[in-house]
Protein backbone atom coordinates (compact mmCIF):
# COMPACT_ATOMS: atom_id res chain seq x y z
CA MET A 1 -87.09 13.48 78.43
CA ASP A 2 -84.70 10.72 78.56
CA ILE A 3 -86.26 9.51 75.32
CA ILE A 4 -85.86 12.78 73.62
CA LYS A 5 -82.19 13.12 74.77
CA GLU A 6 -81.49 9.73 73.58
CA ILE A 7 -83.17 10.46 70.11
CA ASN A 8 -81.33 13.86 69.93
CA ALA A 9 -78.07 12.16 70.88
CA LEU A 10 -78.73 9.40 68.03
CA ASP A 11 -79.30 12.11 65.49
CA LYS A 12 -76.39 13.65 66.22
CA LEU A 13 -74.23 10.50 65.97
CA LEU A 14 -76.02 9.79 62.84
CA CYS A 15 -75.20 13.29 61.36
CA ILE A 16 -71.46 12.91 62.46
CA ASN A 17 -71.47 9.46 60.94
CA GLU A 18 -72.79 10.98 57.82
CA ASP A 19 -70.38 13.96 57.87
CA ASN A 20 -67.66 11.41 58.23
CA LYS A 21 -68.66 9.44 55.34
CA ILE A 22 -68.94 12.56 53.35
CA GLY A 23 -65.50 13.90 54.56
CA ASN A 24 -64.08 10.27 53.67
CA ARG A 25 -65.54 10.50 50.44
CA ASN A 26 -64.22 13.99 49.81
CA LYS A 27 -60.95 13.02 51.11
CA GLU A 28 -60.99 9.96 48.96
CA GLU A 29 -61.86 12.06 45.75
CA LYS A 30 -59.27 14.60 46.70
CA ASN A 31 -56.78 11.81 47.00
CA GLU A 32 -57.48 10.58 43.52
CA ILE A 33 -57.53 14.07 41.97
CA THR A 34 -54.15 14.45 43.48
CA ARG A 35 -52.89 11.18 42.38
CA ILE A 36 -54.26 11.86 38.79
CA TYR A 37 -52.34 15.13 38.73
CA GLU A 38 -49.23 13.46 40.13
CA GLN A 39 -49.57 10.94 37.22
CA LYS A 40 -50.14 13.65 34.83
CA ASN A 41 -46.88 15.35 36.02
CA ILE A 42 -44.98 12.07 35.73
CA ASN A 43 -46.33 11.61 32.23
CA GLU A 44 -45.40 14.97 31.08
CA LYS A 45 -41.96 14.63 32.39
CA ILE A 46 -41.73 11.23 30.56
CA TYR A 47 -43.12 12.88 27.40
CA GLN A 48 -40.58 15.79 27.84
CA ARG A 49 -37.67 13.23 28.28
CA ASN A 50 -38.85 11.20 25.17
CA VAL A 51 -38.98 14.25 23.05
CA LYS A 52 -35.49 15.19 24.28
CA ILE A 53 -34.18 11.71 23.27
CA MET A 54 -35.94 11.77 19.92
CA LYS A 55 -34.28 15.16 19.32
CA GLU A 56 -30.91 14.03 20.25
CA ILE A 57 -31.52 10.97 17.95
CA VAL A 58 -32.39 12.96 15.09
CA ASN A 59 -29.42 15.42 15.65
CA LYS A 60 -26.93 12.38 16.03
CA SER A 61 -28.50 10.76 12.88
CA SER A 62 -27.99 13.86 11.07
CA ASN A 63 -24.33 14.09 12.30
CA ILE A 64 -23.75 10.44 11.61
CA ASN A 65 -25.15 11.22 8.02
CA ASN A 66 -22.95 14.21 7.75
CA ILE A 67 -20.02 12.10 8.88
CA ASN A 68 -20.72 9.42 6.56
CA LYS A 69 -20.94 12.06 3.66
CA GLU A 70 -17.64 13.50 4.56
CA MET A 71 -15.95 10.22 5.04
CA HIS A 72 -17.27 9.34 1.53
CA ARG A 73 -16.09 12.77 0.07
CA LYS A 74 -12.64 12.32 1.62
CA ILE A 75 -12.35 8.62 0.24
CA GLN A 76 -13.56 9.73 -3.04
CA GLU A 77 -11.18 12.47 -3.10
CA LEU A 78 -8.36 10.15 -2.01
CA TYR A 79 -9.13 7.67 -4.70
CA LEU A 80 -9.23 10.34 -7.33
CA LYS A 81 -5.87 11.80 -5.98
CA THR A 82 -4.42 8.28 -5.96
CA MET A 83 -5.69 7.66 -9.59
CA ASN A 84 -3.62 10.74 -10.58
CA TYR A 85 -0.59 8.72 -10.17
CA ILE A 86 -1.75 5.49 -11.73
CA LEU A 87 -1.26 5.03 -15.46
CA PRO A 88 -3.64 2.52 -17.18
CA GLU A 89 -1.74 -0.78 -17.91
CA SER A 90 -1.42 -1.61 -21.53
CA ASP A 91 -0.74 -5.14 -22.79
CA PHE A 92 2.57 -6.03 -24.24
CA PRO A 93 3.03 -5.27 -27.82
CA GLN A 94 3.78 -7.69 -30.59
CA TYR A 95 7.57 -7.62 -30.81
CA GLU A 96 9.10 -7.85 -34.14
CA GLU A 97 11.82 -10.64 -34.55
CA GLY A 98 14.96 -9.81 -32.66
CA VAL A 99 13.61 -7.68 -30.02
CA ASN A 100 13.70 -9.56 -26.68
CA ILE A 101 13.83 -7.04 -23.87
CA ASN A 102 11.05 -6.65 -21.30
CA SER A 103 9.57 -3.42 -22.94
CA LYS A 104 6.03 -2.09 -23.49
CA ILE A 105 7.43 0.76 -25.80
CA ILE A 106 10.34 -0.76 -27.64
CA TYR A 107 8.87 -3.42 -29.75
CA LYS A 108 10.42 -2.54 -33.26
CA LYS A 109 13.81 -3.89 -34.23
CA LYS A 110 15.10 -0.74 -35.90
CA ASP A 111 14.36 1.04 -32.44
CA LEU A 112 16.39 -1.36 -30.28
CA ASP A 113 18.92 -1.27 -33.00
CA LEU A 114 19.38 2.51 -32.63
CA ILE A 115 19.92 2.08 -28.87
CA ASN A 116 21.99 -0.98 -29.17
CA ASN A 117 24.34 0.17 -31.81
CA TYR A 118 25.16 3.41 -29.95
CA LEU A 119 25.49 1.85 -26.50
CA SER A 120 27.88 -0.92 -27.97
CA SER A 121 29.89 1.69 -29.77
CA LEU A 122 30.11 3.51 -26.28
CA TYR A 123 31.17 0.55 -24.15
CA ARG A 124 32.56 -2.01 -26.54
CA GLU A 125 30.31 -4.62 -24.90
CA LYS A 126 27.34 -6.82 -25.41
CA ILE A 127 24.45 -4.72 -23.89
CA LYS A 128 21.74 -6.17 -21.48
CA TYR A 129 18.52 -4.50 -20.40
CA ASN A 130 17.22 -4.93 -16.95
CA LEU A 131 13.93 -3.18 -16.31
CA ILE A 132 13.93 -1.35 -13.03
CA PHE A 133 11.07 1.00 -13.31
CA ARG A 134 7.70 1.00 -15.28
CA ALA A 135 5.22 3.94 -14.58
CA SER A 136 2.23 2.07 -15.26
CA GLU A 137 2.90 -0.68 -12.70
CA GLN A 138 4.76 1.18 -10.12
CA GLY A 139 3.46 4.66 -9.91
CA ALA A 140 3.78 7.61 -12.25
CA TYR A 141 5.64 9.69 -9.87
CA GLY A 142 8.90 11.39 -9.66
CA LYS A 143 9.72 10.09 -6.18
CA ILE A 144 8.85 6.59 -7.05
CA PHE A 145 11.53 6.95 -9.93
CA LYS A 146 14.04 8.37 -7.89
CA LYS A 147 13.62 5.52 -5.20
CA LYS A 148 13.87 3.00 -7.96
CA CYS A 149 16.90 4.60 -9.90
CA SER A 150 18.86 6.63 -7.51
CA GLU A 151 21.58 3.93 -6.95
CA ILE A 152 21.90 2.78 -10.60
CA GLU A 153 25.17 3.97 -12.48
CA ARG A 154 23.77 3.50 -15.98
CA THR A 155 20.14 4.35 -16.62
CA LEU A 156 18.10 4.45 -19.80
CA ILE A 157 14.75 6.39 -20.02
CA ILE A 158 12.10 5.48 -22.50
CA VAL A 159 8.96 7.73 -22.60
CA LEU A 160 5.89 7.14 -24.70
CA THR A 161 3.87 10.15 -25.04
CA LYS A 162 -0.22 10.36 -25.29
CA ASN A 163 0.43 11.64 -28.99
CA ASP A 164 2.51 8.46 -29.48
CA LYS A 165 6.13 10.03 -29.65
CA THR A 166 8.85 7.79 -28.47
CA PHE A 167 12.18 9.17 -27.13
CA GLY A 168 14.34 9.15 -24.15
CA GLY A 169 17.95 9.58 -22.87
CA PHE A 170 20.62 7.92 -21.31
CA THR A 171 23.13 8.86 -18.61
CA GLU A 172 25.90 7.44 -16.24
CA SER A 173 25.16 9.98 -13.58
CA LEU A 174 22.99 9.06 -10.51
CA TRP A 175 19.59 10.50 -10.21
CA ASP A 176 19.11 12.24 -6.75
CA ASP A 177 17.22 15.09 -5.18
CA SER A 178 20.50 17.50 -4.95
CA ASN A 179 18.59 20.35 -7.18
CA SER A 180 22.08 20.34 -9.04
CA THR A 181 23.20 19.79 -12.78
CA LYS A 182 25.64 17.12 -13.81
CA LYS A 183 27.96 16.62 -16.66
CA ASP A 184 28.23 13.26 -18.36
CA LYS A 185 30.42 12.74 -21.39
CA LYS A 186 28.54 9.52 -22.44
CA ALA A 187 25.09 11.10 -21.86
CA PHE A 188 22.64 11.05 -24.98
CA CYS A 189 19.09 11.48 -26.19
CA PHE A 190 17.25 9.75 -28.92
CA SER A 191 14.14 9.79 -30.95
CA PHE A 192 12.59 6.72 -32.28
CA ASP A 193 10.51 8.68 -34.60
CA PHE A 194 13.30 10.34 -36.22
CA ASN A 195 15.67 7.43 -35.58
CA LYS A 196 18.14 10.04 -34.28
CA ILE A 197 20.91 10.22 -31.56
CA TYR A 198 21.80 13.45 -29.71
CA LYS A 199 25.13 13.30 -27.99
CA SER A 200 25.72 15.41 -25.13
CA LYS A 201 28.25 18.13 -25.91
CA ILE A 202 31.53 17.93 -24.09
CA GLY A 203 31.81 20.24 -21.03
CA MET A 204 28.09 20.98 -20.96
CA ASN A 205 25.47 19.88 -18.33
CA ALA A 206 23.89 16.68 -19.41
CA ILE A 207 21.16 16.08 -16.71
CA TYR A 208 19.28 18.22 -14.01
CA CYS A 209 18.54 16.43 -10.71
CA LYS A 210 15.73 18.32 -9.52
CA GLU A 211 14.07 17.45 -5.92
CA ASN A 212 10.72 15.59 -6.18
CA SER A 213 11.15 15.27 -10.02
CA GLY A 214 11.32 12.67 -12.74
CA PRO A 215 14.20 12.63 -15.02
CA ILE A 216 15.46 15.87 -16.78
CA PHE A 217 17.87 15.94 -19.71
CA CYS A 218 19.28 19.58 -20.09
CA ASP A 219 17.70 21.17 -22.04
CA MET A 220 16.06 18.55 -24.37
CA PHE A 221 13.41 17.09 -22.16
CA GLY A 222 12.19 16.77 -18.64
CA ILE A 223 9.49 14.99 -16.51
CA ASN A 224 7.64 16.68 -13.60
CA ASN A 225 6.85 15.06 -10.31
CA ASN A 226 3.54 14.00 -11.20
CA PHE A 227 3.91 12.16 -14.65
CA ILE A 228 0.00 12.20 -15.30
CA VAL A 229 -1.31 15.70 -14.11
CA ASP A 230 1.97 17.75 -14.84
CA GLY A 231 3.38 15.77 -17.64
CA GLY A 232 6.68 16.65 -19.20
CA PHE A 233 8.28 19.70 -21.26
CA CYS A 234 10.42 20.11 -24.19
CA LYS A 235 12.84 23.01 -24.99
CA ILE A 236 13.17 25.39 -27.97
CA LYS A 237 15.78 24.48 -30.60
CA GLN A 238 18.16 27.34 -29.17
CA LEU A 239 18.50 25.78 -25.75
CA ALA A 240 18.27 22.10 -26.60
CA GLU A 241 21.20 22.35 -29.19
CA SER A 242 23.36 24.11 -26.66
CA LYS A 243 23.49 20.98 -24.50
CA TYR A 244 23.06 18.17 -27.14
CA ASP A 245 24.10 18.07 -30.94
CA ASN A 246 21.93 16.91 -33.96
CA VAL A 247 18.89 19.10 -32.81
CA SER A 248 16.93 20.30 -35.75
CA THR A 249 13.66 21.98 -34.72
CA ASP A 250 12.04 23.42 -31.38
CA TYR A 251 10.51 20.80 -29.06
CA GLU A 252 11.90 18.07 -31.43
CA LEU A 253 11.53 15.03 -29.32
CA ALA A 254 7.77 15.22 -28.45
CA GLU A 255 6.99 17.98 -31.15
CA LYS A 256 5.28 20.13 -28.40
CA GLU A 257 6.55 22.26 -25.52
CA VAL A 258 4.29 20.35 -22.90
CA PHE A 259 3.40 16.52 -23.21
CA TYR A 260 1.49 13.94 -21.22
CA ILE A 261 2.79 10.35 -20.70
CA LYS A 262 1.27 7.26 -21.69
CA GLU A 263 4.12 5.13 -20.48
CA LEU A 264 7.73 5.70 -19.03
CA GLU A 265 10.26 2.90 -18.61
CA THR A 266 13.70 2.87 -17.13
CA PHE A 267 16.22 0.27 -17.71
CA GLU A 268 19.59 -0.56 -16.00
CA ILE A 269 22.37 -0.86 -18.85
CA GLN A 270 24.41 -4.03 -17.90
CA PHE A 271 26.96 -6.10 -20.07
CA GLU A 272 26.94 -9.64 -20.98
CA GLU A 273 29.89 -11.88 -21.60
CA ILE A 274 30.58 -12.08 -25.42
């Protein structure tokens, strides 16, 4: 009986031990499965985070591309806008003998003589030309013209149009932004093409100082603020001859109502000792 009890007890112990092994194995398997699921969850979170990061990178890249495109557009727009105020520079012409002023428009002796002779008759002095503004070099813009010329007492304006008409005007009055007309008994306009002087009529307004504008000689011709885009204008004979003499036709100086500029120069008229 004792032997049978011992056998039964041993058998029970073996069963318990086997159950423990199975239990431990099951526990280990469960732990491994748990670990696998936990790792799966971690991997899933990492994947989702990476997807989110990639989406943000794509969106940011798209935004960067859009920003770059917008910057390029604005730079191009600014460049084109700037170009609207820049006349192409031209070479100095081949001067005829006796022409010795720093001009890209006046190179014929008859043109210089037309101006010289009339100015000399006005002032009884030997004339000296001091270039103070050239649109192709300093900007085809009324504001720049005013900045360069606003304190100069005697200015000679010379215009070359795109249809190769050359003309201009002279005044002792100061150019400013007062939006007012000014009388000047010594003011005159001229045309190199017709070799003519147009004297200001006594008591009549000679120039108009318009804010943010180029030079305006009432009612012969005027230059708008943007020399290139807006160009300039001439008036009909009836208006022009009310302010200046010797006018023969409508839009006489430029031969058209609206003209566009190839070059514009302004000289300060000074006097040399004879």
